[in-house]
C-alpha atoms as a PDB file:
ATOM      1  CA  MET A   1      84.517 -73.469  94.972  1.00  0.00           C
ATOM      2  CA  TYR A   2      85.942 -70.572  92.979  1.00  0.00           C
ATOM      3  CA  ARG A   3      85.049 -66.997  94.282  1.00  0.00           C
ATOM      4  CA  GLU A   4      85.425 -63.900  92.285  1.00  0.00           C
ATOM      5  CA  LYS A   5      84.097 -60.376  92.306  1.00  0.00           C
ATOM      6  CA  ILE A   6      83.634 -58.948  88.740  1.00  0.00           C
ATOM      7  CA  ASP A   7      83.431 -55.149  88.215  1.00  0.00           C
ATOM      8  CA  LEU A   8      80.903 -54.950  85.347  1.00  0.00           C
ATOM      9  CA  TYR A   9      81.757 -51.379  84.645  1.00  0.00           C
ATOM     10  CA  GLU A  10      85.389 -52.329  84.230  1.00  0.00           C
ATOM     11  CA  TRP A  11      84.623 -55.372  82.094  1.00  0.00           C
ATOM     12  CA  PHE A  12      82.419 -53.349  79.821  1.00  0.00           C
ATOM     13  CA  GLN A  13      84.815 -50.347  79.884  1.00  0.00           C
ATOM     14  CA  ALA A  14      81.810 -48.237  80.804  1.00  0.00           C
ATOM     15  CA  GLU A  15      81.930 -44.907  82.752  1.00  0.00           C
ATOM     16  CA  ARG A  16      81.289 -45.629  86.325  1.00  0.00           C
ATOM     17  CA  GLY A  17      80.851 -41.994  87.615  1.00  0.00           C
ATOM     18  CA  LYS A  18      79.649 -41.850  91.217  1.00  0.00           C
ATOM     19  CA  LYS A  19      78.234 -45.473  91.191  1.00  0.00           C
ATOM     20  CA  THR A  20      79.794 -47.420  94.028  1.00  0.00           C
ATOM     21  CA  ARG A  21      78.438 -50.865  93.044  1.00  0.00           C
ATOM     22  CA  GLY A  22      77.718 -52.843  89.873  1.00  0.00           C
ATOM     23  CA  PHE A  23      79.600 -56.053  90.859  1.00  0.00           C
ATOM     24  CA  LEU A  24      78.849 -59.653  90.025  1.00  0.00           C
ATOM     25  CA  HIS A  25      79.755 -62.086  92.821  1.00  0.00           C
ATOM     26  CA  VAL A  26      80.800 -65.591  91.627  1.00  0.00           C
ATOM     27  CA  TYR A  27      80.205 -69.040  93.250  1.00  0.00           C
ATOM     28  CA  ARG A  28      81.472 -71.296  90.750  1.00  0.00           C
ATOM     29  CA  HIS A  29      82.454 -75.024  90.502  1.00  0.00           C
ATOM     30  CA  VAL A  30      85.917 -75.662  89.175  1.00  0.00           C
ATOM     31  CA  GLY A  31      87.742 -78.773  88.156  1.00  0.00           C
ATOM     32  CA  SER A  32      91.091 -80.086  89.531  1.00  0.00           C
ATOM     33  CA  LYS A  33      93.379 -83.142  89.347  1.00  0.00           C
ATOM     34  CA  GLU A  34      90.718 -85.172  91.268  1.00  0.00           C
ATOM     35  CA  ILE A  35      87.611 -83.441  90.112  1.00  0.00           C
ATOM     36  CA  ALA A  36      86.570 -83.431  86.440  1.00  0.00           C
ATOM     37  CA  TRP A  37      85.601 -80.116  84.747  1.00  0.00           C
ATOM     38  CA  LYS A  38      82.019 -80.132  83.822  1.00  0.00           C
ATOM     39  CA  LYS A  39      79.930 -77.605  82.055  1.00  0.00           C
ATOM     40  CA  ARG A  40      77.097 -76.381  84.211  1.00  0.00           C
ATOM     41  CA  SER A  41      73.921 -74.323  84.080  1.00  0.00           C
ATOM     42  CA  ALA A  42      74.045 -70.961  85.845  1.00  0.00           C
ATOM     43  CA  ILE A  43      71.626 -68.894  87.891  1.00  0.00           C
ATOM     44  CA  LEU A  44      71.803 -65.173  88.216  1.00  0.00           C
ATOM     45  CA  ILE A  45      70.406 -63.910  91.694  1.00  0.00           C
ATOM     46  CA  PHE A  46      68.803 -60.526  92.280  1.00  0.00           C
ATOM     47  CA  PRO A  47      68.347 -59.814  95.975  1.00  0.00           C
ATOM     48  CA  GLY A  48      65.610 -57.575  97.085  1.00  0.00           C
ATOM     49  CA  GLY A  49      65.677 -54.371  99.270  1.00  0.00           C
ATOM     50  CA  GLY A  50      63.117 -52.018  97.773  1.00  0.00           C
ATOM     51  CA  TYR A  51      65.977 -50.692  95.433  1.00  0.00           C
ATOM     52  CA  SER A  52      67.097 -48.969  98.603  1.00  0.00           C
ATOM     53  CA  PHE A  53      69.606 -51.642  99.662  1.00  0.00           C
ATOM     54  CA  VAL A  54      70.736 -55.222  98.644  1.00  0.00           C
ATOM     55  CA  SER A  55      69.429 -57.806 101.117  1.00  0.00           C
ATOM     56  CA  GLU A  56      72.074 -60.005 102.571  1.00  0.00           C
ATOM     57  CA  ARG A  57      69.717 -62.771 103.381  1.00  0.00           C
ATOM     58  CA  GLU A  58      68.749 -63.113  99.725  1.00  0.00           C
ATOM     59  CA  TRP A  59      72.252 -63.089  98.639  1.00  0.00           C
ATOM     60  CA  GLU A  60      74.949 -65.686  99.696  1.00  0.00           C
ATOM     61  CA  PRO A  61      72.477 -68.171 101.474  1.00  0.00           C
ATOM     62  CA  VAL A  62      70.587 -68.366  98.194  1.00  0.00           C
ATOM     63  CA  ALA A  63      73.724 -68.684  96.039  1.00  0.00           C
ATOM     64  CA  MET A  64      75.122 -71.449  98.381  1.00  0.00           C
ATOM     65  CA  TYR A  65      71.829 -73.394  98.093  1.00  0.00           C
ATOM     66  CA  TYR A  66      71.836 -73.532  94.197  1.00  0.00           C
ATOM     67  CA  TYR A  67      75.632 -73.925  94.211  1.00  0.00           C
ATOM     68  CA  GLY A  68      74.981 -76.990  96.370  1.00  0.00           C
ATOM     69  CA  LYS A  69      72.615 -78.386  93.808  1.00  0.00           C
ATOM     70  CA  GLY A  70      75.118 -78.232  90.994  1.00  0.00           C
ATOM     71  CA  LEU A  71      74.504 -74.853  89.402  1.00  0.00           C
ATOM     72  CA  ASP A  72      77.091 -72.093  89.256  1.00  0.00           C
ATOM     73  CA  ALA A  73      75.628 -69.107  91.048  1.00  0.00           C
ATOM     74  CA  TYR A  74      76.145 -65.398  90.504  1.00  0.00           C
ATOM     75  CA  VAL A  75      74.679 -62.581  92.589  1.00  0.00           C
ATOM     76  CA  LEU A  76      74.349 -58.998  91.154  1.00  0.00           C
ATOM     77  CA  GLU A  77      75.307 -56.340  93.754  1.00  0.00           C
ATOM     78  CA  TYR A  78      73.392 -53.508  91.986  1.00  0.00           C
ATOM     79  CA  ASN A  79      73.402 -49.691  92.770  1.00  0.00           C
ATOM     80  CA  VAL A  80      70.413 -48.415  94.665  1.00  0.00           C
ATOM     81  CA  ALA A  81      68.528 -45.155  95.311  1.00  0.00           C
ATOM     82  CA  PRO A  82      68.777 -42.483  96.248  1.00  0.00           C
ATOM     83  CA  GLU A  83      72.217 -42.314  94.675  1.00  0.00           C
ATOM     84  CA  CYS A  84      71.136 -44.248  91.603  1.00  0.00           C
ATOM     85  CA  GLY A  85      67.839 -44.909  89.970  1.00  0.00           C
ATOM     86  CA  TYR A  86      66.646 -45.346  86.377  1.00  0.00           C
ATOM     87  CA  PRO A  87      68.153 -46.573  84.166  1.00  0.00           C
ATOM     88  CA  THR A  88      71.044 -47.725  86.215  1.00  0.00           C
ATOM     89  CA  LEU A  89      69.405 -50.581  87.815  1.00  0.00           C
ATOM     90  CA  LEU A  90      68.046 -51.989  84.633  1.00  0.00           C
ATOM     91  CA  THR A  91      71.354 -51.424  82.773  1.00  0.00           C
ATOM     92  CA  GLU A  92      73.317 -53.431  85.363  1.00  0.00           C
ATOM     93  CA  ALA A  93      70.958 -56.413  85.311  1.00  0.00           C
ATOM     94  CA  ALA A  94      71.489 -56.399  81.540  1.00  0.00           C
ATOM     95  CA  MET A  95      75.201 -56.178  81.941  1.00  0.00           C
ATOM     96  CA  ALA A  96      75.249 -59.044  84.348  1.00  0.00           C
ATOM     97  CA  MET A  97      73.383 -61.281  81.858  1.00  0.00           C
ATOM     98  CA  LEU A  98      75.532 -60.179  78.946  1.00  0.00           C
ATOM     99  CA  TYR A  99      78.753 -60.882  80.899  1.00  0.00           C
ATOM    100  CA  LEU A 100      77.563 -64.434  81.578  1.00  0.00           C
ATOM    101  CA  ARG A 101      76.720 -64.920  78.000  1.00  0.00           C
ATOM    102  CA  LYS A 102      79.830 -63.513  76.568  1.00  0.00           C
ATOM    103  CA  GLU A 103      82.085 -65.317  79.030  1.00  0.00           C
ATOM    104  CA  ALA A 104      80.283 -68.685  78.659  1.00  0.00           C
ATOM    105  CA  GLU A 105      83.229 -70.630  77.342  1.00  0.00           C
ATOM    106  CA  ARG A 106      85.683 -69.412  80.173  1.00  0.00           C
ATOM    107  CA  LEU A 107      83.045 -69.976  82.744  1.00  0.00           C
ATOM    108  CA  HIS A 108      82.462 -73.514  81.585  1.00  0.00           C
ATOM    109  CA  SER A 109      78.776 -72.816  81.033  1.00  0.00           C
ATOM    110  CA  ASP A 110      76.390 -75.232  79.154  1.00  0.00           C
ATOM    111  CA  GLY A 111      74.696 -71.958  77.959  1.00  0.00           C
ATOM    112  CA  LYS A 112      71.616 -72.161  80.132  1.00  0.00           C
ATOM    113  CA  ILE A 113      71.221 -69.274  82.528  1.00  0.00           C
ATOM    114  CA  ALA A 114      68.241 -68.815  84.988  1.00  0.00           C
ATOM    115  CA  ALA A 115      67.452 -65.563  86.587  1.00  0.00           C
ATOM    116  CA  LEU A 116      66.095 -65.519  90.120  1.00  0.00           C
ATOM    117  CA  GLY A 117      64.823 -62.371  92.004  1.00  0.00           C
ATOM    118  CA  PHE A 118      63.281 -61.562  95.349  1.00  0.00           C
ATOM    119  CA  SER A 119      60.838 -58.850  96.114  1.00  0.00           C
ATOM    120  CA  SER A 120      62.202 -55.772  94.218  1.00  0.00           C
ATOM    121  CA  GLY A 121      64.929 -58.104  92.746  1.00  0.00           C
ATOM    122  CA  GLY A 122      61.998 -60.052  91.497  1.00  0.00           C
ATOM    123  CA  HIS A 123      60.886 -56.959  89.683  1.00  0.00           C
ATOM    124  CA  LEU A 124      64.341 -56.534  88.148  1.00  0.00           C
ATOM    125  CA  CYS A 125      64.335 -60.228  87.187  1.00  0.00           C
ATOM    126  CA  GLY A 126      60.990 -59.711  85.545  1.00  0.00           C
ATOM    127  CA  CYS A 127      62.291 -56.676  83.718  1.00  0.00           C
ATOM    128  CA  ILE A 128      65.081 -58.503  81.830  1.00  0.00           C
ATOM    129  CA  SER A 129      62.695 -61.532  81.402  1.00  0.00           C
ATOM    130  CA  LEU A 130      60.079 -59.335  79.678  1.00  0.00           C
ATOM    131  CA  LEU A 131      61.814 -56.269  78.482  1.00  0.00           C
ATOM    132  CA  TRP A 132      65.056 -57.395  77.330  1.00  0.00           C
ATOM    133  CA  ASP A 133      64.858 -55.258  74.265  1.00  0.00           C
ATOM    134  CA  ASP A 134      63.621 -52.124  76.125  1.00  0.00           C
ATOM    135  CA  LEU A 135      64.372 -48.706  74.519  1.00  0.00           C
ATOM    136  CA  VAL A 136      66.965 -47.865  77.098  1.00  0.00           C
ATOM    137  CA  LEU A 137      68.702 -51.198  76.616  1.00  0.00           C
ATOM    138  CA  SER A 138      68.477 -51.180  72.795  1.00  0.00           C
ATOM    139  CA  ALA A 139      70.127 -47.798  72.783  1.00  0.00           C
ATOM    140  CA  ARG A 140      72.972 -49.094  74.953  1.00  0.00           C
ATOM    141  CA  PHE A 141      73.473 -52.682  73.844  1.00  0.00           C
ATOM    142  CA  GLY A 142      72.116 -52.771  70.237  1.00  0.00           C
ATOM    143  CA  THR A 143      71.729 -56.311  68.791  1.00  0.00           C
ATOM    144  CA  ASP A 144      73.144 -57.784  71.985  1.00  0.00           C
ATOM    145  CA  CYS A 145      69.849 -57.366  73.630  1.00  0.00           C
ATOM    146  CA  ALA A 146      68.651 -60.752  72.535  1.00  0.00           C
ATOM    147  CA  GLN A 147      71.188 -62.272  75.034  1.00  0.00           C
ATOM    148  CA  ILE A 148      69.845 -60.375  77.870  1.00  0.00           C
ATOM    149  CA  ARG A 149      66.806 -62.709  78.063  1.00  0.00           C
ATOM    150  CA  PRO A 150      67.310 -65.461  80.591  1.00  0.00           C
ATOM    151  CA  ASP A 151      66.433 -69.014  79.661  1.00  0.00           C
ATOM    152  CA  ALA A 152      64.054 -69.286  82.585  1.00  0.00           C
ATOM    153  CA  ALA A 153      63.078 -67.053  85.473  1.00  0.00           C
ATOM    154  CA  ILE A 154      62.094 -67.568  89.121  1.00  0.00           C
ATOM    155  CA  LEU A 155      60.193 -64.728  90.932  1.00  0.00           C
ATOM    156  CA  ALA A 156      59.953 -64.931  94.667  1.00  0.00           C
ATOM    157  CA  TYR A 157      57.310 -62.577  96.337  1.00  0.00           C
ATOM    158  CA  ALA A 158      58.051 -60.298  93.527  1.00  0.00           C
ATOM    159  CA  VAL A 159      57.110 -56.646  93.160  1.00  0.00           C
ATOM    160  CA  VAL A 160      55.036 -56.632  89.776  1.00  0.00           C
ATOM    161  CA  SER A 161      52.299 -54.183  89.460  1.00  0.00           C
ATOM    162  CA  SER A 162      52.041 -50.375  89.435  1.00  0.00           C
ATOM    163  CA  GLU A 163      48.249 -50.536  90.041  1.00  0.00           C
ATOM    164  CA  GLN A 164      47.577 -48.522  93.233  1.00  0.00           C
ATOM    165  CA  SER A 165      45.710 -51.485  94.872  1.00  0.00           C
ATOM    166  CA  CYS A 166      48.683 -53.563  95.114  1.00  0.00           C
ATOM    167  CA  ARG A 167      51.637 -51.397  94.314  1.00  0.00           C
ATOM    168  CA  ASP A 168      54.871 -51.300  96.423  1.00  0.00           C
ATOM    169  CA  GLU A 169      55.231 -47.520  96.327  1.00  0.00           C
ATOM    170  CA  GLU A 170      58.861 -47.552  97.554  1.00  0.00           C
ATOM    171  CA  THR A 171      60.077 -49.942  94.848  1.00  0.00           C
ATOM    172  CA  PHE A 172      58.499 -48.006  91.935  1.00  0.00           C
ATOM    173  CA  VAL A 173      59.769 -44.628  93.263  1.00  0.00           C
ATOM    174  CA  ASN A 174      63.203 -45.905  93.626  1.00  0.00           C
ATOM    175  CA  PHE A 175      63.387 -47.736  90.326  1.00  0.00           C
ATOM    176  CA  CYS A 176      61.813 -45.075  88.028  1.00  0.00           C
ATOM    177  CA  GLY A 177      63.270 -42.094  89.880  1.00  0.00           C
ATOM    178  CA  GLY A 178      60.850 -39.688  88.295  1.00  0.00           C
ATOM    179  CA  LYS A 179      62.467 -40.550  84.791  1.00  0.00           C
ATOM    180  CA  ALA A 180      60.090 -43.117  83.688  1.00  0.00           C
ATOM    181  CA  PRO A 181      56.215 -43.714  84.103  1.00  0.00           C
ATOM    182  CA  TYR A 182      55.485 -46.591  86.528  1.00  0.00           C
ATOM    183  CA  GLU A 183      53.292 -48.257  83.909  1.00  0.00           C
ATOM    184  CA  ARG A 184      56.007 -48.824  81.690  1.00  0.00           C
ATOM    185  CA  TYR A 185      57.658 -51.274  84.148  1.00  0.00           C
ATOM    186  CA  SER A 186      54.427 -52.789  85.570  1.00  0.00           C
ATOM    187  CA  LEU A 187      55.234 -56.369  84.587  1.00  0.00           C
ATOM    188  CA  GLU A 188      51.795 -57.670  83.968  1.00  0.00           C
ATOM    189  CA  ARG A 189      51.417 -55.006  81.286  1.00  0.00           C
ATOM    190  CA  VAL A 190      54.347 -56.197  79.272  1.00  0.00           C
ATOM    191  CA  VAL A 191      54.071 -59.848  79.096  1.00  0.00           C
ATOM    192  CA  ARG A 192      54.893 -61.356  75.582  1.00  0.00           C
ATOM    193  CA  PRO A 193      54.576 -64.794  74.100  1.00  0.00           C
ATOM    194  CA  ASP A 194      58.324 -65.136  73.593  1.00  0.00           C
ATOM    195  CA  ALA A 195      59.060 -64.591  77.237  1.00  0.00           C
ATOM    196  CA  PRO A 196      61.018 -67.383  79.021  1.00  0.00           C
ATOM    197  CA  PRO A 197      59.374 -70.038  81.354  1.00  0.00           C
ATOM    198  CA  MET A 198      58.644 -68.551  84.604  1.00  0.00           C
ATOM    199  CA  PHE A 199      58.172 -69.822  88.158  1.00  0.00           C
ATOM    200  CA  LEU A 200      56.548 -67.678  90.726  1.00  0.00           C
ATOM    201  CA  TRP A 201      55.798 -68.083  94.285  1.00  0.00           C
ATOM    202  CA  ALA A 202      54.385 -66.017  97.224  1.00  0.00           C
ATOM    203  CA  THR A 203      52.554 -66.105 100.531  1.00  0.00           C
ATOM    204  CA  ALA A 204      48.938 -65.330 100.808  1.00  0.00           C
ATOM    205  CA  ASP A 205      49.354 -62.965 103.895  1.00  0.00           C
ATOM    206  CA  ASP A 206      52.435 -61.046 102.809  1.00  0.00           C
ATOM    207  CA  ALA A 207      51.746 -57.611 104.375  1.00  0.00           C
ATOM    208  CA  GLU A 208      54.499 -55.748 102.344  1.00  0.00           C
ATOM    209  CA  VAL A 209      54.058 -56.977  98.815  1.00  0.00           C
ATOM    210  CA  PRO A 210      50.423 -58.238  98.268  1.00  0.00           C
ATOM    211  CA  ILE A 211      50.047 -61.702  96.676  1.00  0.00           C
ATOM    212  CA  GLU A 212      47.964 -59.958  93.925  1.00  0.00           C
ATOM    213  CA  ASN A 213      51.333 -59.058  92.369  1.00  0.00           C
ATOM    214  CA  SER A 214      52.070 -62.513  91.477  1.00  0.00           C
ATOM    215  CA  ILE A 215      48.594 -63.442  90.674  1.00  0.00           C
ATOM    216  CA  ARG A 216      48.253 -60.819  88.120  1.00  0.00           C
ATOM    217  CA  LEU A 217      51.544 -61.763  86.509  1.00  0.00           C
ATOM    218  CA  PHE A 218      50.717 -65.425  86.354  1.00  0.00           C
ATOM    219  CA  ARG A 219      47.392 -64.740  84.804  1.00  0.00           C
ATOM    220  CA  ALA A 220      49.025 -62.614  82.161  1.00  0.00           C
ATOM    221  CA  LEU A 221      51.708 -65.257  81.325  1.00  0.00           C
ATOM    222  CA  CYS A 222      48.971 -67.946  81.032  1.00  0.00           C
ATOM    223  CA  ALA A 223      46.964 -65.533  78.643  1.00  0.00           C
ATOM    224  CA  ALA A 224      50.118 -65.093  76.503  1.00  0.00           C
ATOM    225  CA  GLY A 225      50.926 -68.654  76.345  1.00  0.00           C
ATOM    226  CA  VAL A 226      54.135 -68.428  78.317  1.00  0.00           C
ATOM    227  CA  PRO A 227      54.980 -71.676  80.236  1.00  0.00           C
ATOM    228  CA  ALA A 228      54.286 -70.701  83.866  1.00  0.00           C
ATOM    229  CA  GLU A 229      54.172 -72.234  87.349  1.00  0.00           C
ATOM    230  CA  TYR A 230      52.826 -70.440  90.413  1.00  0.00           C
ATOM    231  CA  HIS A 231      52.787 -71.548  93.964  1.00  0.00           C
ATOM    232  CA  ALA A 232      50.813 -69.702  96.739  1.00  0.00           C
ATOM    233  CA  PHE A 233      51.600 -70.621 100.293  1.00  0.00           C
ATOM    234  CA  GLU A 234      49.099 -70.130 102.966  1.00  0.00           C
ATOM    235  CA  THR A 235      51.138 -67.959 105.423  1.00  0.00           C
ATOM    236  CA  GLY A 236      54.603 -66.378 105.798  1.00  0.00           C
ATOM    237  CA  ARG A 237      56.155 -63.151 106.354  1.00  0.00           C
ATOM    238  CA  HIS A 238      57.795 -60.969 103.554  1.00  0.00           C
ATOM    239  CA  GLY A 239      61.531 -61.734 102.706  1.00  0.00           C
ATOM    240  CA  LEU A 240      61.526 -65.468 103.749  1.00  0.00           C
ATOM    241  CA  SER A 241      64.483 -66.092 101.285  1.00  0.00           C
ATOM    242  CA  VAL A 242      65.631 -69.798 101.799  1.00  0.00           C
ATOM    243  CA  CYS A 243      63.436 -70.169 104.974  1.00  0.00           C
ATOM    244  CA  SER A 244      66.165 -71.225 107.314  1.00  0.00           C
ATOM    245  CA  GLU A 245      67.330 -70.200 110.627  1.00  0.00           C
ATOM    246  CA  GLU A 246      70.504 -68.475 108.991  1.00  0.00           C
ATOM    247  CA  VAL A 247      68.246 -65.895 107.542  1.00  0.00           C
ATOM    248  CA  LEU A 248      65.347 -65.819 109.812  1.00  0.00           C
ATOM    249  CA  SER A 249      65.189 -65.187 113.775  1.00  0.00           C
ATOM    250  CA  ALA A 250      63.289 -68.460 114.098  1.00  0.00           C
ATOM    251  CA  CYS A 251      61.684 -71.083 112.005  1.00  0.00           C
ATOM    252  CA  ASN A 252      58.474 -73.034 112.621  1.00  0.00           C
ATOM    253  CA  ALA A 253      56.231 -75.552 110.644  1.00  0.00           C
ATOM    254  CA  GLN A 254      55.091 -72.904 108.475  1.00  0.00           C
ATOM    255  CA  THR A 255      58.443 -71.701 107.291  1.00  0.00           C
ATOM    256  CA  GLU A 256      59.315 -75.387 106.904  1.00  0.00           C
ATOM    257  CA  HIS A 257      56.453 -75.735 104.450  1.00  0.00           C
ATOM    258  CA  VAL A 258      57.327 -72.712 102.532  1.00  0.00           C
ATOM    259  CA  ARG A 259      60.855 -73.932 102.092  1.00  0.00           C
ATOM    260  CA  HIS A 260      59.340 -76.430  99.654  1.00  0.00           C
ATOM    261  CA  TRP A 261      59.740 -73.728  97.032  1.00  0.00           C
ATOM    262  CA  LEU A 262      63.413 -74.374  96.692  1.00  0.00           C
ATOM    263  CA  ARG A 263      62.842 -78.051  95.726  1.00  0.00           C
ATOM    264  CA  LEU A 264      60.012 -76.997  93.409  1.00  0.00           C
ATOM    265  CA  SER A 265      62.117 -74.415  91.671  1.00  0.00           C
ATOM    266  CA  LEU A 266      64.856 -77.040  90.908  1.00  0.00           C
ATOM    267  CA  GLU A 267      62.193 -79.365  89.576  1.00  0.00           C
ATOM    268  CA  PHE A 268      61.013 -76.539  87.428  1.00  0.00           C
ATOM    269  CA  LEU A 269      64.479 -75.861  86.162  1.00  0.00           C
ATOM    270  CA  ARG A 270      65.154 -79.586  85.426  1.00  0.00           C
ATOM    271  CA  GLY A 271      61.834 -79.710  83.495  1.00  0.00           C
ATOM    272  CA  HIS A 272      63.389 -76.971  81.253  1.00  0.00           C
ATOM    273  CA  ALA A 273      66.570 -78.700  80.512  1.00  0.00           C
ATOM    274  CA  PHE A 274      68.895 -77.125  83.221  1.00  0.00           C
ATOM    275  CA  TYR A 275      71.576 -79.244  84.768  1.00  0.00           C
ATOM    276  CA  THR A 276      71.271 -79.734  88.371  1.00  0.00           C
ATOM    277  CA  ALA A 277      73.001 -82.266  90.669  1.00  0.00           C
END
């Protein structure tokens, strides 16, 4: 395994200011005298944390799972509130995707990049999957915006809607920072027919991010003709990540069942021409 930490601000020669994060953590396969180089698909991971921290349990354990299945994995360590808000979070997600596109040859990529986000990270994943040419991104990246769109997206118990009945208030406050209206980044409102295929999953009794978030997005995707797959598990706490004892204090039959989302997501990626082992 090749490990690397990329400073996206340095790579883009962008002013960092007081931002302390904005790093891309690399978990990549490499060749050697005994192991042949092989072009691989990539997955860009956005951990959750309500945009107030970056969850560790949705970071390396997730990257290692997909790495073990043949994908090159990348994790975005993004800046968070209250130090940073709109549009920093959206811009850094775009920077991560553009880095992977522009460095594809050096990274031995086959050109296929999936994005995966958990909770608020799912919201960020949804933003680049549906709003890759958002006004703030167009102003910053111009014609490169088309490369921000991932080739597939996986949203795990994602924050989606700004509607009062199912809104995760902290996430929208931290993301918008009083500089943008919630409705502009309410994902079910901005679904478009040219969005990438999407895989969604959630648990019916999630007490932090109501399952209605995922339901609303799935309905909007279907209405727009976007290839989409949705799995609703009967029960499970918020933040299950890879559903292992590494990330949870204890596992039971219920979490073992929810763990099937990992296998299902791989089947989904294979169905959309991603390379996996």
